[in-house]
C-alpha atoms as a PDB file:
ATOM      1  CA  MET A   1      -2.900  -2.637 -23.445  1.00  0.00           C
ATOM      2  CA  SER A   2      -0.729  -5.226 -21.635  1.00  0.00           C
ATOM      3  CA  VAL A   3       1.324  -5.849 -24.797  1.00  0.00           C
ATOM      4  CA  LEU A   4       2.029  -2.120 -25.101  1.00  0.00           C
ATOM      5  CA  LEU A   5       3.175  -2.008 -21.476  1.00  0.00           C
ATOM      6  CA  VAL A   6       5.516  -4.936 -22.047  1.00  0.00           C
ATOM      7  CA  VAL A   7       7.015  -3.194 -25.056  1.00  0.00           C
ATOM      8  CA  LEU A   8       7.373   0.075 -23.118  1.00  0.00           C
ATOM      9  CA  LEU A   9       9.140  -1.610 -20.217  1.00  0.00           C
ATOM     10  CA  ALA A  10      11.443  -3.499 -22.573  1.00  0.00           C
ATOM     11  CA  LEU A  11      12.429  -0.262 -24.369  1.00  0.00           C
ATOM     12  CA  LEU A  12      13.063   1.553 -21.095  1.00  0.00           C
ATOM     13  CA  ALA A  13      15.157  -1.306 -19.731  1.00  0.00           C
ATOM     14  CA  THR A  14      17.209  -1.466 -22.939  1.00  0.00           C
ATOM     15  CA  ALA A  15      17.797   2.288 -22.897  1.00  0.00           C
ATOM     16  CA  ALA A  16      18.868   2.135 -19.233  1.00  0.00           C
ATOM     17  CA  LEU A  17      21.320  -0.668 -19.946  1.00  0.00           C
ATOM     18  CA  LEU A  18      22.832   1.085 -22.955  1.00  0.00           C
ATOM     19  CA  ALA A  19      23.165   4.344 -21.006  1.00  0.00           C
ATOM     20  CA  VAL A  20      25.115   2.598 -18.247  1.00  0.00           C
ATOM     21  CA  ILE A  21      27.457   0.488 -20.381  1.00  0.00           C
ATOM     22  CA  SER A  22      28.117   2.888 -23.276  1.00  0.00           C
ATOM     23  CA  PRO A  23      30.861   4.887 -21.483  1.00  0.00           C
ATOM     24  CA  LEU A  24      32.472   1.673 -20.354  1.00  0.00           C
ATOM     25  CA  ARG A  25      32.557   0.348 -23.893  1.00  0.00           C
ATOM     26  CA  ARG A  26      33.849   3.671 -25.213  1.00  0.00           C
ATOM     27  CA  ASN A  27      36.665   3.837 -22.678  1.00  0.00           C
ATOM     28  CA  ALA A  28      37.572   0.229 -23.252  1.00  0.00           C
ATOM     29  CA  ALA A  29      37.872   0.818 -26.984  1.00  0.00           C
ATOM     30  CA  ALA A  30      39.885   4.044 -26.621  1.00  0.00           C
ATOM     31  CA  ALA A  31      42.450   2.928 -24.061  1.00  0.00           C
ATOM     32  CA  PRO A  32      45.368   0.641 -24.966  1.00  0.00           C
ATOM     33  CA  LEU A  33      45.088  -2.748 -23.392  1.00  0.00           C
ATOM     34  CA  ASP A  34      47.468  -3.405 -20.486  1.00  0.00           C
ATOM     35  CA  PRO A  35      47.671  -6.816 -18.749  1.00  0.00           C
ATOM     36  CA  ASP A  36      45.122  -5.820 -16.096  1.00  0.00           C
ATOM     37  CA  ALA A  37      42.703  -4.521 -18.724  1.00  0.00           C
ATOM     38  CA  ALA A  38      43.066  -7.703 -20.765  1.00  0.00           C
ATOM     39  CA  GLU A  39      42.484  -9.806 -17.669  1.00  0.00           C
ATOM     40  CA  ARG A  40      39.435  -7.698 -16.788  1.00  0.00           C
ATOM     41  CA  LEU A  41      37.965  -8.159 -20.262  1.00  0.00           C
ATOM     42  CA  HIS A  42      38.521 -11.913 -20.010  1.00  0.00           C
ATOM     43  CA  LEU A  43      36.916 -12.120 -16.561  1.00  0.00           C
ATOM     44  CA  GLU A  44      33.986  -9.934 -17.598  1.00  0.00           C
ATOM     45  CA  ALA A  45      33.324 -12.114 -20.631  1.00  0.00           C
ATOM     46  CA  GLU A  46      33.507 -15.209 -18.427  1.00  0.00           C
ATOM     47  CA  ARG A  47      31.170 -13.574 -15.882  1.00  0.00           C
ATOM     48  CA  ASP A  48      28.596 -12.733 -18.565  1.00  0.00           C
ATOM     49  CA  ALA A  49      28.716 -16.276 -19.929  1.00  0.00           C
ATOM     50  CA  LEU A  50      28.244 -17.774 -16.458  1.00  0.00           C
ATOM     51  CA  MET A  51      25.317 -15.473 -15.691  1.00  0.00           C
ATOM     52  CA  THR A  52      23.691 -16.360 -19.009  1.00  0.00           C
ATOM     53  CA  GLN A  53      24.040 -20.051 -18.223  1.00  0.00           C
ATOM     54  CA  LEU A  54      22.568 -19.572 -14.745  1.00  0.00           C
ATOM     55  CA  VAL A  55      19.571 -17.637 -16.035  1.00  0.00           C
ATOM     56  CA  GLY A  56      18.729 -20.230 -18.669  1.00  0.00           C
ATOM     57  CA  LEU A  57      19.680 -23.255 -16.557  1.00  0.00           C
ATOM     58  CA  SER A  58      17.418 -26.270 -17.011  1.00  0.00           C
ATOM     59  CA  ASP A  59      19.587 -28.897 -15.301  1.00  0.00           C
ATOM     60  CA  GLU A  60      19.620 -27.966 -11.597  1.00  0.00           C
ATOM     61  CA  SER A  61      22.430 -30.402 -10.878  1.00  0.00           C
ATOM     62  CA  ARG A  62      24.831 -27.982 -12.620  1.00  0.00           C
ATOM     63  CA  ARG A  63      23.785 -24.968 -10.510  1.00  0.00           C
ATOM     64  CA  PRO A  64      26.265 -25.450  -7.588  1.00  0.00           C
ATOM     65  CA  ASP A  65      29.250 -25.693  -9.943  1.00  0.00           C
ATOM     66  CA  LEU A  66      28.171 -22.658 -11.984  1.00  0.00           C
ATOM     67  CA  GLU A  67      27.542 -20.600  -8.833  1.00  0.00           C
ATOM     68  CA  ASN A  68      30.977 -21.504  -7.438  1.00  0.00           C
ATOM     69  CA  ARG A  69      32.658 -20.512 -10.700  1.00  0.00           C
ATOM     70  CA  ALA A  70      30.689 -17.241 -10.773  1.00  0.00           C
ATOM     71  CA  ALA A  71      31.750 -16.463  -7.173  1.00  0.00           C
ATOM     72  CA  ARG A  72      35.438 -17.101  -7.995  1.00  0.00           C
ATOM     73  CA  ASN A  73      35.101 -14.929 -11.083  1.00  0.00           C
ATOM     74  CA  LEU A  74      33.620 -12.025  -9.107  1.00  0.00           C
ATOM     75  CA  ARG A  75      36.358 -12.278  -6.455  1.00  0.00           C
ATOM     76  CA  ALA A  76      38.977 -12.151  -9.198  1.00  0.00           C
ATOM     77  CA  LEU A  77      37.343  -9.071 -10.706  1.00  0.00           C
ATOM     78  CA  ASP A  78      37.250  -7.360  -7.327  1.00  0.00           C
ATOM     79  CA  GLY A  79      40.979  -8.041  -6.905  1.00  0.00           C
ATOM     80  CA  LEU A  80      41.927  -6.135 -10.061  1.00  0.00           C
ATOM     81  CA  PRO A  81      42.806  -2.411  -9.852  1.00  0.00           C
ATOM     82  CA  PRO A  82      40.054  -0.076 -11.126  1.00  0.00           C
ATOM     83  CA  PRO A  83      40.325   0.704 -14.849  1.00  0.00           C
ATOM     84  CA  PRO A  84      41.708   4.158 -15.697  1.00  0.00           C
ATOM     85  CA  GLY A  85      39.906   6.894 -17.576  1.00  0.00           C
ATOM     86  CA  ARG A  86      36.434   6.513 -16.057  1.00  0.00           C
ATOM     87  CA  GLY A  87      35.927  10.225 -15.464  1.00  0.00           C
ATOM     88  CA  GLY A  88      33.065  11.933 -17.222  1.00  0.00           C
ATOM     89  CA  THR A  89      30.827   8.874 -17.196  1.00  0.00           C
ATOM     90  CA  TRP A  90      28.494  10.101 -14.439  1.00  0.00           C
ATOM     91  CA  LEU A  91      25.908  11.577 -16.812  1.00  0.00           C
ATOM     92  CA  PRO A  92      25.215   8.412 -18.838  1.00  0.00           C
ATOM     93  CA  ALA A  93      25.260   6.366 -15.634  1.00  0.00           C
ATOM     94  CA  ALA A  94      22.822   8.732 -13.957  1.00  0.00           C
ATOM     95  CA  THR A  95      20.605   8.570 -17.020  1.00  0.00           C
ATOM     96  CA  GLY A  96      20.648   4.786 -16.807  1.00  0.00           C
ATOM     97  CA  VAL A  97      19.705   4.887 -13.130  1.00  0.00           C
ATOM     98  CA  VAL A  98      16.794   7.236 -13.826  1.00  0.00           C
ATOM     99  CA  LEU A  99      15.554   5.007 -16.622  1.00  0.00           C
ATOM    100  CA  ALA A 100      15.877   1.951 -14.404  1.00  0.00           C
ATOM    101  CA  LEU A 101      13.825   3.668 -11.699  1.00  0.00           C
ATOM    102  CA  LEU A 102      11.238   4.525 -14.327  1.00  0.00           C
ATOM    103  CA  VAL A 103      11.064   0.854 -15.311  1.00  0.00           C
ATOM    104  CA  VAL A 104      10.476  -0.073 -11.670  1.00  0.00           C
ATOM    105  CA  GLY A 105       7.831   2.641 -11.287  1.00  0.00           C
ATOM    106  CA  VAL A 106       5.896   1.634 -14.380  1.00  0.00           C
ATOM    107  CA  GLY A 107       6.052  -2.004 -13.328  1.00  0.00           C
ATOM    108  CA  ALA A 108       4.886  -1.161  -9.830  1.00  0.00           C
ATOM    109  CA  VAL A 109       1.656   0.401 -11.058  1.00  0.00           C
ATOM    110  CA  THR A 110       0.982  -2.124 -13.815  1.00  0.00           C
ATOM    111  CA  PHE A 111       2.398  -5.617 -13.480  1.00  0.00           C
ATOM    112  CA  VAL A 112       3.045  -5.897  -9.756  1.00  0.00           C
ATOM    113  CA  PRO A 113      -0.623  -5.341  -8.833  1.00  0.00           C
ATOM    114  CA  GLN A 114      -1.612  -7.952 -11.403  1.00  0.00           C
ATOM    115  CA  TRP A 115       0.817 -10.477  -9.867  1.00  0.00           C
ATOM    116  CA  GLN A 116      -0.595  -9.723  -6.418  1.00  0.00           C
ATOM    117  CA  LEU A 117      -4.173 -10.105  -7.640  1.00  0.00           C
ATOM    118  CA  ALA A 118      -3.322 -13.452  -9.232  1.00  0.00           C
ATOM    119  CA  ALA A 119      -2.712 -14.884  -5.753  1.00  0.00           C
ATOM    120  CA  LEU A 120      -6.284 -14.031  -4.624  1.00  0.00           C
ATOM    121  CA  ASP A 121      -9.484 -15.925  -5.282  1.00  0.00           C
ATOM    122  CA  SER A 122     -12.105 -14.435  -7.601  1.00  0.00           C
ATOM    123  CA  GLY A 123     -14.113 -12.830  -4.800  1.00  0.00           C
ATOM    124  CA  GLU A 124     -11.060 -11.194  -3.246  1.00  0.00           C
ATOM    125  CA  ARG A 125      -9.856  -9.928  -6.633  1.00  0.00           C
ATOM    126  CA  LEU A 126     -13.260  -8.368  -7.281  1.00  0.00           C
ATOM    127  CA  ALA A 127     -13.266  -6.711  -3.842  1.00  0.00           C
ATOM    128  CA  VAL A 128      -9.795  -5.248  -4.411  1.00  0.00           C
ATOM    129  CA  LYS A 129     -10.710  -3.931  -7.858  1.00  0.00           C
ATOM    130  CA  ASP A 130     -13.931  -2.446  -6.503  1.00  0.00           C
ATOM    131  CA  ALA A 131     -12.046  -0.720  -3.671  1.00  0.00           C
ATOM    132  CA  VAL A 132      -9.608   0.804  -6.173  1.00  0.00           C
ATOM    133  CA  SER A 133     -12.484   2.044  -8.335  1.00  0.00           C
ATOM    134  CA  LEU A 134     -14.390   3.780  -5.489  1.00  0.00           C
ATOM    135  CA  PRO A 135     -12.978   7.325  -5.852  1.00  0.00           C
ATOM    136  CA  GLY A 136     -13.801   7.467  -9.555  1.00  0.00           C
ATOM    137  CA  LEU A 137     -17.282   5.981  -9.102  1.00  0.00           C
ATOM    138  CA  GLN A 138     -18.057   8.381  -6.258  1.00  0.00           C
ATOM    139  CA  ALA A 139     -16.920  11.377  -8.301  1.00  0.00           C
ATOM    140  CA  GLN A 140     -18.953  10.215 -11.309  1.00  0.00           C
ATOM    141  CA  ALA A 141     -22.112   9.745  -9.230  1.00  0.00           C
ATOM    142  CA  GLN A 142     -21.807  13.109  -7.496  1.00  0.00           C
ATOM    143  CA  ARG A 143     -21.078  14.814 -10.797  1.00  0.00           C
ATOM    144  CA  SER A 144     -23.944  13.269 -12.773  1.00  0.00           C
ATOM    145  CA  GLY A 145     -26.548  12.816 -10.018  1.00  0.00           C
ATOM    146  CA  ASP A 146     -27.789   9.772 -11.949  1.00  0.00           C
ATOM    147  CA  LYS A 147     -29.290   6.860  -9.983  1.00  0.00           C
ATOM    148  CA  ALA A 148     -27.408   4.283 -12.071  1.00  0.00           C
ATOM    149  CA  ASP A 149     -24.108   5.940 -11.140  1.00  0.00           C
ATOM    150  CA  TYR A 150     -25.067   6.041  -7.454  1.00  0.00           C
ATOM    151  CA  LEU A 151     -26.051   2.368  -7.639  1.00  0.00           C
ATOM    152  CA  ALA A 152     -22.742   1.446  -9.288  1.00  0.00           C
ATOM    153  CA  TRP A 153     -20.847   3.315  -6.558  1.00  0.00           C
ATOM    154  CA  GLY A 154     -22.904   1.569  -3.864  1.00  0.00           C
ATOM    155  CA  ASP A 155     -22.368  -1.889  -5.408  1.00  0.00           C
ATOM    156  CA  ALA A 156     -18.589  -1.398  -5.566  1.00  0.00           C
ATOM    157  CA  ALA A 157     -18.455  -0.099  -1.988  1.00  0.00           C
ATOM    158  CA  PHE A 158     -20.632  -2.973  -0.723  1.00  0.00           C
ATOM    159  CA  SER A 159     -18.422  -5.527  -2.510  1.00  0.00           C
ATOM    160  CA  ALA A 160     -15.301  -3.922  -1.009  1.00  0.00           C
ATOM    161  CA  SER A 161     -16.926  -3.823   2.491  1.00  0.00           C
ATOM    162  CA  VAL A 162     -16.638  -0.014   2.591  1.00  0.00           C
ATOM    163  CA  TYR A 163     -20.029   0.249   4.232  1.00  0.00           C
ATOM    164  CA  ASP A 164     -20.033   3.984   4.980  1.00  0.00           C
ATOM    165  CA  GLN A 165     -19.797   4.752   1.275  1.00  0.00           C
ATOM    166  CA  ALA A 166     -22.243   1.971   0.402  1.00  0.00           C
ATOM    167  CA  SER A 167     -24.830   3.421   2.803  1.00  0.00           C
ATOM    168  CA  ALA A 168     -24.425   6.924   1.400  1.00  0.00           C
ATOM    169  CA  ALA A 169     -24.604   5.707  -2.208  1.00  0.00           C
ATOM    170  CA  TYR A 170     -27.693   3.524  -1.675  1.00  0.00           C
ATOM    171  CA  ALA A 171     -29.444   6.281   0.299  1.00  0.00           C
ATOM    172  CA  SER A 172     -28.848   8.660  -2.633  1.00  0.00           C
ATOM    173  CA  THR A 173     -30.164   5.989  -5.021  1.00  0.00           C
ATOM    174  CA  LEU A 174     -33.384   5.659  -3.020  1.00  0.00           C
ATOM    175  CA  LYS A 175     -33.930   9.416  -3.054  1.00  0.00           C
ATOM    176  CA  LEU A 176     -34.063   9.149  -6.830  1.00  0.00           C
ATOM    177  CA  ASP A 177     -35.891   5.791  -6.970  1.00  0.00           C
ATOM    178  CA  PRO A 178     -37.574   4.707  -3.683  1.00  0.00           C
ATOM    179  CA  ARG A 179     -38.452   1.275  -5.151  1.00  0.00           C
ATOM    180  CA  GLN A 180     -34.949   0.195  -6.203  1.00  0.00           C
ATOM    181  CA  PRO A 181     -34.789  -3.377  -4.733  1.00  0.00           C
ATOM    182  CA  LYS A 182     -31.029  -3.777  -4.432  1.00  0.00           C
ATOM    183  CA  ALA A 183     -30.571  -0.425  -2.706  1.00  0.00           C
ATOM    184  CA  LEU A 184     -33.476  -1.201  -0.345  1.00  0.00           C
ATOM    185  CA  ARG A 185     -32.291  -4.645   0.738  1.00  0.00           C
ATOM    186  CA  ARG A 186     -28.611  -3.796   1.042  1.00  0.00           C
ATOM    187  CA  LEU A 187     -29.215  -0.590   2.964  1.00  0.00           C
ATOM    188  CA  GLY A 188     -31.646  -2.445   5.215  1.00  0.00           C
ATOM    189  CA  ILE A 189     -29.274  -5.336   5.961  1.00  0.00           C
ATOM    190  CA  MET A 190     -26.399  -2.926   6.665  1.00  0.00           C
ATOM    191  CA  LEU A 191     -28.546  -1.013   9.132  1.00  0.00           C
ATOM    192  CA  LEU A 192     -29.702  -4.225  10.822  1.00  0.00           C
ATOM    193  CA  SER A 193     -26.169  -5.585  11.145  1.00  0.00           C
ATOM    194  CA  GLY A 194     -24.705  -2.320  12.417  1.00  0.00           C
ATOM    195  CA  GLN A 195     -22.703  -1.572   9.279  1.00  0.00           C
ATOM    196  CA  GLY A 196     -22.621   1.757   7.486  1.00  0.00           C
ATOM    197  CA  ARG A 197     -23.191   5.210   8.869  1.00  0.00           C
ATOM    198  CA  ALA A 198     -26.131   4.540  11.171  1.00  0.00           C
ATOM    199  CA  ALA A 199     -26.852   1.345  13.082  1.00  0.00           C
ATOM    200  CA  PRO A 200     -30.406   1.081  14.471  1.00  0.00           C
ATOM    201  CA  LYS A 201     -30.569   2.663  17.928  1.00  0.00           C
ATOM    202  CA  SER A 202     -34.035   1.432  18.865  1.00  0.00           C
ATOM    203  CA  GLU A 203     -36.432  -1.405  18.184  1.00  0.00           C
ATOM    204  CA  GLN A 204     -38.477   0.898  15.978  1.00  0.00           C
ATOM    205  CA  GLN A 205     -35.448   1.768  13.842  1.00  0.00           C
ATOM    206  CA  ALA A 206     -34.549  -1.916  13.596  1.00  0.00           C
ATOM    207  CA  SER A 207     -38.105  -2.659  12.437  1.00  0.00           C
ATOM    208  CA  GLN A 208     -37.828   0.087   9.818  1.00  0.00           C
ATOM    209  CA  ALA A 209     -34.553  -1.414   8.594  1.00  0.00           C
ATOM    210  CA  PHE A 210     -36.207  -4.832   8.366  1.00  0.00           C
ATOM    211  CA  LEU A 211     -39.055  -3.237   6.415  1.00  0.00           C
ATOM    212  CA  LEU A 212     -36.523  -2.154   3.758  1.00  0.00           C
ATOM    213  CA  VAL A 213     -35.346  -5.752   3.335  1.00  0.00           C
ATOM    214  CA  ARG A 214     -38.872  -7.172   3.278  1.00  0.00           C
ATOM    215  CA  THR A 215     -40.064  -4.564   0.770  1.00  0.00           C
ATOM    216  CA  ALA A 216     -37.126  -5.413  -1.521  1.00  0.00           C
ATOM    217  CA  ALA A 217     -38.091  -9.104  -1.364  1.00  0.00           C
ATOM    218  CA  GLN A 218     -41.662  -8.206  -2.318  1.00  0.00           C
ATOM    219  CA  LEU A 219     -40.484  -6.037  -5.211  1.00  0.00           C
ATOM    220  CA  ALA A 220     -38.063  -8.681  -6.502  1.00  0.00           C
ATOM    221  CA  PRO A 221     -39.339 -12.057  -5.213  1.00  0.00           C
ATOM    222  CA  ASN A 222     -37.322 -14.061  -7.735  1.00  0.00           C
ATOM    223  CA  ASP A 223     -34.015 -12.368  -7.026  1.00  0.00           C
ATOM    224  CA  PRO A 224     -31.806 -14.783  -5.024  1.00  0.00           C
ATOM    225  CA  GLU A 225     -30.168 -12.013  -3.015  1.00  0.00           C
ATOM    226  CA  SER A 226     -33.578 -10.691  -1.964  1.00  0.00           C
ATOM    227  CA  GLN A 227     -34.417 -14.040  -0.377  1.00  0.00           C
ATOM    228  CA  LEU A 228     -30.917 -14.439   1.060  1.00  0.00           C
ATOM    229  CA  LEU A 229     -30.969 -11.105   2.866  1.00  0.00           C
ATOM    230  CA  LEU A 230     -34.594 -11.596   3.916  1.00  0.00           C
ATOM    231  CA  GLY A 231     -33.572 -14.885   5.510  1.00  0.00           C
ATOM    232  CA  TYR A 232     -30.747 -13.231   7.424  1.00  0.00           C
ATOM    233  CA  ALA A 233     -33.041 -10.386   8.520  1.00  0.00           C
ATOM    234  CA  LEU A 234     -35.738 -12.802   9.723  1.00  0.00           C
ATOM    235  CA  ASN A 235     -33.135 -14.812  11.613  1.00  0.00           C
ATOM    236  CA  ASN A 236     -31.981 -11.572  13.241  1.00  0.00           C
ATOM    237  CA  PHE A 237     -35.512 -11.173  14.649  1.00  0.00           C
ATOM    238  CA  GLY A 238     -35.711 -14.795  15.822  1.00  0.00           C
ATOM    239  CA  GLU A 239     -38.179 -15.841  13.104  1.00  0.00           C
ATOM    240  CA  ASN A 240     -36.368 -19.113  12.483  1.00  0.00           C
ATOM    241  CA  LYS A 241     -39.094 -20.894  10.545  1.00  0.00           C
ATOM    242  CA  LEU A 242     -39.671 -17.983   8.170  1.00  0.00           C
ATOM    243  CA  ALA A 243     -35.921 -17.422   7.880  1.00  0.00           C
ATOM    244  CA  LEU A 244     -35.371 -21.047   6.865  1.00  0.00           C
ATOM    245  CA  ALA A 245     -38.153 -20.809   4.268  1.00  0.00           C
ATOM    246  CA  ALA A 246     -36.571 -17.682   2.735  1.00  0.00           C
ATOM    247  CA  LEU A 247     -33.097 -19.208   2.686  1.00  0.00           C
ATOM    248  CA  GLU A 248     -34.366 -22.421   1.100  1.00  0.00           C
ATOM    249  CA  ARG A 249     -36.094 -20.323  -1.548  1.00  0.00           C
ATOM    250  CA  TYR A 250     -32.752 -18.575  -2.098  1.00  0.00           C
ATOM    251  CA  ARG A 251     -31.124 -21.974  -2.669  1.00  0.00           C
ATOM    252  CA  ASN A 252     -33.875 -22.959  -5.100  1.00  0.00           C
ATOM    253  CA  LEU A 253     -33.415 -19.713  -7.055  1.00  0.00           C
ATOM    254  CA  ASP A 254     -29.621 -20.098  -7.045  1.00  0.00           C
ATOM    255  CA  PRO A 255     -28.651 -23.783  -6.673  1.00  0.00           C
ATOM    256  CA  THR A 256     -24.948 -22.859  -6.804  1.00  0.00           C
ATOM    257  CA  GLY A 257     -25.276 -20.289  -3.999  1.00  0.00           C
ATOM    258  CA  ARG A 258     -23.389 -21.217  -0.848  1.00  0.00           C
ATOM    259  CA  ASP A 259     -23.663 -18.003   1.172  1.00  0.00           C
ATOM    260  CA  ALA A 260     -26.218 -19.408   3.621  1.00  0.00           C
ATOM    261  CA  ASP A 261     -25.153 -23.056   4.003  1.00  0.00           C
ATOM    262  CA  ASP A 262     -24.073 -22.731   7.627  1.00  0.00           C
ATOM    263  CA  LEU A 263     -27.171 -20.798   8.689  1.00  0.00           C
ATOM    264  CA  ILE A 264     -29.468 -23.190   6.817  1.00  0.00           C
ATOM    265  CA  ALA A 265     -27.858 -26.164   8.573  1.00  0.00           C
ATOM    266  CA  THR A 266     -28.198 -24.447  11.953  1.00  0.00           C
ATOM    267  CA  LEU A 267     -31.843 -23.543  11.374  1.00  0.00           C
ATOM    268  CA  ARG A 268     -32.692 -27.030  10.144  1.00  0.00           C
ATOM    269  CA  ALA A 269     -31.082 -28.612  13.195  1.00  0.00           C
ATOM    270  CA  SER A 270     -32.907 -26.198  15.487  1.00  0.00           C
ATOM    271  CA  SER A 271     -36.197 -26.809  13.704  1.00  0.00           C
ATOM    272  CA  ALA A 272     -35.797 -30.584  13.937  1.00  0.00           C
ATOM    273  CA  GLN A 273     -35.246 -30.327  17.696  1.00  0.00           C
ATOM    274  CA  THR A 274     -38.247 -28.102  18.434  1.00  0.00           C
ATOM    275  CA  ASP A 275     -40.736 -28.975  15.683  1.00  0.00           C
ATOM    276  CA  PRO A 276     -42.236 -32.512  15.668  1.00  0.00           C
ATOM    277  CA  ALA A 277     -43.005 -32.345  11.943  1.00  0.00           C
ATOM    278  CA  SER A 278     -39.418 -31.407  11.060  1.00  0.00           C
ATOM    279  CA  ARG A 279     -38.024 -34.079  13.363  1.00  0.00           C
ATOM    280  CA  VAL A 280     -40.228 -36.844  11.901  1.00  0.00           C
ATOM    281  CA  TYR A 281     -39.627 -35.691   8.328  1.00  0.00           C
ATOM    282  CA  ALA A 282     -35.821 -35.503   8.804  1.00  0.00           C
ATOM    283  CA  ALA A 283     -35.740 -38.990  10.310  1.00  0.00           C
ATOM    284  CA  ASN A 284     -37.967 -40.759   7.780  1.00  0.00           C
ATOM    285  CA  CYS A 285     -38.483 -38.741   4.596  1.00  0.00           C
ATOM    286  CA  ALA A 286     -35.558 -36.391   3.885  1.00  0.00           C
ATOM    287  CA  SER A 287     -33.215 -39.090   2.541  1.00  0.00           C
ATOM    288  CA  CYS A 288     -35.506 -39.619  -0.473  1.00  0.00           C
ATOM    289  CA  HIS A 289     -37.499 -36.395  -0.833  1.00  0.00           C
ATOM    290  CA  GLY A 290     -34.730 -33.895   0.027  1.00  0.00           C
ATOM    291  CA  ALA A 291     -34.152 -31.821   3.143  1.00  0.00           C
ATOM    292  CA  SER A 292     -36.836 -29.295   2.178  1.00  0.00           C
ATOM    293  CA  GLY A 293     -39.180 -31.706   0.380  1.00  0.00           C
ATOM    294  CA  ARG A 294     -38.271 -30.581  -3.114  1.00  0.00           C
ATOM    295  CA  GLY A 295     -37.299 -33.978  -4.406  1.00  0.00           C
ATOM    296  CA  GLY A 296     -34.334 -36.286  -4.716  1.00  0.00           C
ATOM    297  CA  ILE A 297     -34.725 -40.010  -5.193  1.00  0.00           C
ATOM    298  CA  GLY A 298     -38.414 -39.450  -4.463  1.00  0.00           C
ATOM    299  CA  PRO A 299     -40.716 -36.821  -6.027  1.00  0.00           C
ATOM    300  CA  ASN A 300     -41.077 -33.144  -5.104  1.00  0.00           C
ATOM    301  CA  LEU A 301     -43.639 -33.064  -2.270  1.00  0.00           C
ATOM    302  CA  HIS A 302     -44.469 -29.416  -2.954  1.00  0.00           C
ATOM    303  CA  GLU A 303     -45.975 -30.520  -6.259  1.00  0.00           C
ATOM    304  CA  SER A 304     -48.188 -33.201  -4.670  1.00  0.00           C
ATOM    305  CA  ARG A 305     -51.959 -32.768  -4.855  1.00  0.00           C
ATOM    306  CA  LEU A 306     -52.998 -35.601  -2.526  1.00  0.00           C
ATOM    307  CA  GLY A 307     -55.541 -34.959   0.204  1.00  0.00           C
ATOM    308  CA  ARG A 308     -54.800 -35.547   3.875  1.00  0.00           C
ATOM    309  CA  ALA A 309     -56.379 -39.024   3.893  1.00  0.00           C
ATOM    310  CA  GLU A 310     -54.452 -40.063   0.770  1.00  0.00           C
ATOM    311  CA  LEU A 311     -51.183 -38.779   2.246  1.00  0.00           C
ATOM    312  CA  GLN A 312     -51.800 -40.758   5.414  1.00  0.00           C
ATOM    313  CA  SER A 313     -52.500 -43.908   3.426  1.00  0.00           C
ATOM    314  CA  VAL A 314     -49.282 -43.569   1.397  1.00  0.00           C
ATOM    315  CA  ILE A 315     -47.203 -42.932   4.558  1.00  0.00           C
ATOM    316  CA  GLN A 316     -48.597 -45.847   6.549  1.00  0.00           C
ATOM    317  CA  ASN A 317     -49.110 -48.369   3.734  1.00  0.00           C
ATOM    318  CA  GLY A 318     -46.511 -47.332   1.141  1.00  0.00           C
ATOM    319  CA  LYS A 319     -47.076 -46.985  -2.574  1.00  0.00           C
ATOM    320  CA  GLY A 320     -45.012 -48.090  -5.570  1.00  0.00           C
ATOM    321  CA  SER A 321     -41.315 -47.849  -4.673  1.00  0.00           C
ATOM    322  CA  MET A 322     -42.065 -45.990  -1.415  1.00  0.00           C
ATOM    323  CA  PRO A 323     -41.967 -48.230   1.663  1.00  0.00           C
ATOM    324  CA  ALA A 324     -44.592 -48.126   4.397  1.00  0.00           C
ATOM    325  CA  PHE A 325     -43.991 -46.311   7.697  1.00  0.00           C
ATOM    326  CA  PRO A 326     -46.598 -47.823  10.021  1.00  0.00           C
ATOM    327  CA  ASN A 327     -44.707 -46.635  13.107  1.00  0.00           C
ATOM    328  CA  ILE A 328     -45.468 -42.983  12.303  1.00  0.00           C
ATOM    329  CA  ARG A 329     -48.764 -42.402  14.076  1.00  0.00           C
ATOM    330  CA  GLY A 330     -50.546 -40.242  16.587  1.00  0.00           C
ATOM    331  CA  ALA A 331     -49.302 -36.685  17.133  1.00  0.00           C
ATOM    332  CA  GLU A 332     -46.214 -37.242  14.977  1.00  0.00           C
ATOM    333  CA  LEU A 333     -48.311 -38.397  12.021  1.00  0.00           C
ATOM    334  CA  SER A 334     -50.701 -35.463  12.454  1.00  0.00           C
ATOM    335  CA  ALA A 335     -47.788 -32.952  12.517  1.00  0.00           C
ATOM    336  CA  LEU A 336     -46.187 -34.514   9.429  1.00  0.00           C
ATOM    337  CA  LEU A 337     -49.460 -34.468   7.493  1.00  0.00           C
ATOM    338  CA  THR A 338     -49.973 -30.798   8.370  1.00  0.00           C
ATOM    339  CA  ARG A 339     -46.456 -29.974   7.135  1.00  0.00           C
ATOM    340  CA  LEU A 340     -47.057 -31.807   3.823  1.00  0.00           C
ATOM    341  CA  GLU A 341     -50.351 -29.968   3.332  1.00  0.00           C
ATOM    342  CA  GLU A 342     -48.585 -26.646   3.948  1.00  0.00           C
ATOM    343  CA  TRP A 343     -46.046 -27.533   1.283  1.00  0.00           C
ATOM    344  CA  GLU A 344     -48.771 -28.433  -1.193  1.00  0.00           C
ATOM    345  CA  LYS A 345     -50.358 -25.014  -0.675  1.00  0.00           C
END
């Protein structure tokens, strides 16, 4: 398609140029040459040559000299009297102008948007394209009444941050399929965050919105977005520990996902300050076993099957390449052992 557009624009531009210059060439050929006409032809030829050199210039050191010569040439052309016999050329010239405007119009709706999109990152380009596609997707969904079409409309609106349309589209999807996970979680998170057509006006409505997100996570437990939005919803209700668990599961399901990095860091810091187990683990264990215990230099602690007494022995006495931590004792040791047992379960 892009090749055809290039060809079309090239043909239109050529036709516009020929329409403008054809009367000039005809008059020049028909009229006898007087000194001014000869001088004009010479200057015009020189002007065209200079412009050609400037367009294809590869040695920038020559540009100032060429531009000065072109300026002198144009001043000389302006000083000549207008050529006679230019009447009757308005129609071809007007045709050329119309064709030139057509070239600009076609370019404006084809190439210019592509150049503008090229300056955006992939997420921004997708959002722009989705926003442009909304009217057609909405019309298709309302015409067909099919849940897949409503879901496609909702996804495009959500990506483009047009939350009113996203809410309407996902609500229509759920009327047709009340267990559609994406529609449930996205509608729920929009309601909780005050986006879309209806923000929750009471605690009960907020709880109902949260129920949509939680139900979606139960229906699609291995979908990264389900855990991501569940984590945000839990954080919205102050359930920091559960929110962190959901967000860490999101990162395990999608190791390249970076949508929750800041919130995860905040929740981990908060947990380390208020939870003795998290504080002791972060200070002594995380560097080898990973921030959430899922392995690094050391093994994945969630896969351990050691009993409480064996865990205590390994912590205080060391084992293999793991050093001993005899200073972890008392309430701190008890909290850490409880956390490790929770992970094993």
